[in-house]
Amino acid sequence: MRTANPDQAAHDAIKAIRRGLDRHFFEADHRRLKTLRRSVADRIEADLALLDMLTGDANLEDDDREHDPAEDGLADADGFLWHNQVRAGLCA
């Protein structure tokens, strides 16, 4: 019968401990990162909601509130709709 090498047993134990610690800290870091990302996303949503309450639509630029013929074109939805209305004779 072969006897176990005490040095090898210690080496194997240390290796197993290191793998366990690596896995523990990786999972802990992943949980912390996930929590941090959720906190950042919640803060952004809260800020956007506040801006919407204060100014109406935070994504609406000041110059989008009025029709500007220079911006008419097929590149945006408003321009596309306006272009089609003109073609149909609904606008002058």
C-alpha atoms as a PDB file:
ATOM      1  CA  MET A   1       0.000   0.000   0.000  1.00  0.00           C
ATOM      2  CA  ARG A   2       1.242   3.423  -0.914  1.00  0.00           C
ATOM      3  CA  THR A   3       1.446   6.099   1.757  1.00  0.00           C
ATOM      4  CA  ALA A   4       0.253   9.626   1.048  1.00  0.00           C
ATOM      5  CA  ASN A   5       2.912  12.267   0.571  1.00  0.00           C
ATOM      6  CA  PRO A   6       2.302  14.915   3.269  1.00  0.00           C
ATOM      7  CA  ASP A   7       3.786  17.639   1.072  1.00  0.00           C
ATOM      8  CA  GLN A   8       1.446  16.705  -1.792  1.00  0.00           C
ATOM      9  CA  ALA A   9      -1.546  16.619   0.573  1.00  0.00           C
ATOM     10  CA  ALA A  10      -0.679  20.116   1.836  1.00  0.00           C
ATOM     11  CA  HIS A  11      -0.185  21.341  -1.739  1.00  0.00           C
ATOM     12  CA  ASP A  12      -3.564  19.899  -2.781  1.00  0.00           C
ATOM     13  CA  ALA A  13      -5.280  21.452   0.246  1.00  0.00           C
ATOM     14  CA  ILE A  14      -3.776  24.878  -0.472  1.00  0.00           C
ATOM     15  CA  LYS A  15      -4.775  24.594  -4.128  1.00  0.00           C
ATOM     16  CA  ALA A  16      -8.365  23.705  -3.150  1.00  0.00           C
ATOM     17  CA  ILE A  17      -8.503  26.628  -0.716  1.00  0.00           C
ATOM     18  CA  ARG A  18      -7.258  29.012  -3.402  1.00  0.00           C
ATOM     19  CA  ARG A  19      -9.885  27.756  -5.877  1.00  0.00           C
ATOM     20  CA  GLY A  20     -12.571  28.172  -3.236  1.00  0.00           C
ATOM     21  CA  LEU A  21     -11.411  31.697  -2.390  1.00  0.00           C
ATOM     22  CA  ASP A  22     -11.218  32.660  -6.071  1.00  0.00           C
ATOM     23  CA  ARG A  23     -14.757  31.393  -6.635  1.00  0.00           C
ATOM     24  CA  HIS A  24     -16.046  33.115  -3.485  1.00  0.00           C
ATOM     25  CA  PHE A  25     -14.569  36.507  -4.400  1.00  0.00           C
ATOM     26  CA  PHE A  26     -15.586  36.216  -8.045  1.00  0.00           C
ATOM     27  CA  GLU A  27     -19.193  35.542  -7.021  1.00  0.00           C
ATOM     28  CA  ALA A  28     -19.086  38.305  -4.389  1.00  0.00           C
ATOM     29  CA  ASP A  29     -17.658  40.774  -6.922  1.00  0.00           C
ATOM     30  CA  HIS A  30     -20.315  39.740  -9.445  1.00  0.00           C
ATOM     31  CA  ARG A  31     -23.078  40.350  -6.883  1.00  0.00           C
ATOM     32  CA  ARG A  32     -21.601  43.736  -5.911  1.00  0.00           C
ATOM     33  CA  LEU A  33     -21.257  44.746  -9.558  1.00  0.00           C
ATOM     34  CA  LYS A  34     -24.837  43.674 -10.301  1.00  0.00           C
ATOM     35  CA  THR A  35     -26.083  45.674  -7.304  1.00  0.00           C
ATOM     36  CA  LEU A  36     -24.035  48.713  -8.350  1.00  0.00           C
ATOM     37  CA  ARG A  37     -25.370  48.547 -11.924  1.00  0.00           C
ATOM     38  CA  ARG A  38     -28.950  48.322 -10.642  1.00  0.00           C
ATOM     39  CA  SER A  39     -28.357  51.333  -8.364  1.00  0.00           C
ATOM     40  CA  VAL A  40     -26.946  53.380 -11.241  1.00  0.00           C
ATOM     41  CA  ALA A  41     -29.844  52.411 -13.529  1.00  0.00           C
ATOM     42  CA  ASP A  42     -32.374  53.299 -10.799  1.00  0.00           C
ATOM     43  CA  ARG A  43     -30.668  56.677 -10.248  1.00  0.00           C
ATOM     44  CA  ILE A  44     -30.762  57.430 -13.990  1.00  0.00           C
ATOM     45  CA  GLU A  45     -34.448  56.487 -14.192  1.00  0.00           C
ATOM     46  CA  ALA A  46     -35.216  58.711 -11.199  1.00  0.00           C
ATOM     47  CA  ASP A  47     -33.298  61.627 -12.750  1.00  0.00           C
ATOM     48  CA  LEU A  48     -35.106  61.201 -16.084  1.00  0.00           C
ATOM     49  CA  ALA A  49     -38.466  61.076 -14.304  1.00  0.00           C
ATOM     50  CA  LEU A  50     -37.582  64.291 -12.463  1.00  0.00           C
ATOM     51  CA  LEU A  51     -36.573  65.994 -15.712  1.00  0.00           C
ATOM     52  CA  ASP A  52     -39.820  64.858 -17.346  1.00  0.00           C
ATOM     53  CA  MET A  53     -41.819  66.358 -14.481  1.00  0.00           C
ATOM     54  CA  LEU A  54     -39.900  69.634 -14.600  1.00  0.00           C
ATOM     55  CA  THR A  55     -39.746  70.192 -18.345  1.00  0.00           C
ATOM     56  CA  GLY A  56     -42.244  67.853 -19.917  1.00  0.00           C
ATOM     57  CA  ASP A  57     -40.189  65.605 -22.163  1.00  0.00           C
ATOM     58  CA  ALA A  58     -36.453  65.500 -21.441  1.00  0.00           C
ATOM     59  CA  ASN A  59     -35.775  64.155 -24.930  1.00  0.00           C
ATOM     60  CA  LEU A  60     -37.640  66.938 -26.719  1.00  0.00           C
ATOM     61  CA  GLU A  61     -35.308  69.707 -27.814  1.00  0.00           C
ATOM     62  CA  ASP A  62     -36.456  73.324 -27.615  1.00  0.00           C
ATOM     63  CA  ASP A  63     -36.391  73.736 -31.386  1.00  0.00           C
ATOM     64  CA  ASP A  64     -38.563  70.627 -31.833  1.00  0.00           C
ATOM     65  CA  ARG A  65     -41.531  72.398 -30.268  1.00  0.00           C
ATOM     66  CA  GLU A  66     -42.174  74.389 -33.457  1.00  0.00           C
ATOM     67  CA  HIS A  67     -42.278  73.368 -37.077  1.00  0.00           C
ATOM     68  CA  ASP A  68     -39.075  74.417 -38.850  1.00  0.00           C
ATOM     69  CA  PRO A  69     -39.274  74.007 -42.654  1.00  0.00           C
ATOM     70  CA  ALA A  70     -35.474  73.821 -42.818  1.00  0.00           C
ATOM     71  CA  GLU A  71     -35.659  70.545 -40.901  1.00  0.00           C
ATOM     72  CA  ASP A  72     -38.227  68.949 -43.205  1.00  0.00           C
ATOM     73  CA  GLY A  73     -36.914  65.848 -44.830  1.00  0.00           C
ATOM     74  CA  LEU A  74     -37.112  62.114 -44.859  1.00  0.00           C
ATOM     75  CA  ALA A  75     -34.530  61.722 -42.075  1.00  0.00           C
ATOM     76  CA  ASP A  76     -37.019  62.106 -39.242  1.00  0.00           C
ATOM     77  CA  ALA A  77     -40.555  60.907 -38.605  1.00  0.00           C
ATOM     78  CA  ASP A  78     -42.037  64.421 -38.537  1.00  0.00           C
ATOM     79  CA  GLY A  79     -40.390  65.266 -41.848  1.00  0.00           C
ATOM     80  CA  PHE A  80     -41.608  62.026 -43.363  1.00  0.00           C
ATOM     81  CA  LEU A  81     -45.191  62.670 -42.242  1.00  0.00           C
ATOM     82  CA  TRP A  82     -45.048  66.305 -43.402  1.00  0.00           C
ATOM     83  CA  HIS A  83     -43.587  65.226 -46.763  1.00  0.00           C
ATOM     84  CA  ASN A  84     -46.414  62.723 -47.278  1.00  0.00           C
ATOM     85  CA  GLN A  85     -49.066  65.294 -46.311  1.00  0.00           C
ATOM     86  CA  VAL A  86     -47.617  67.776 -48.816  1.00  0.00           C
ATOM     87  CA  ARG A  87     -47.591  65.125 -51.542  1.00  0.00           C
ATOM     88  CA  ALA A  88     -51.205  64.294 -50.746  1.00  0.00           C
ATOM     89  CA  GLY A  89     -52.144  67.977 -50.959  1.00  0.00           C
ATOM     90  CA  LEU A  90     -53.098  68.199 -47.288  1.00  0.00           C
ATOM     91  CA  CYS A  91     -50.561  70.953 -46.528  1.00  0.00           C
ATOM     92  CA  ALA A  92     -49.459  74.016 -48.407  1.00  0.00           C
END
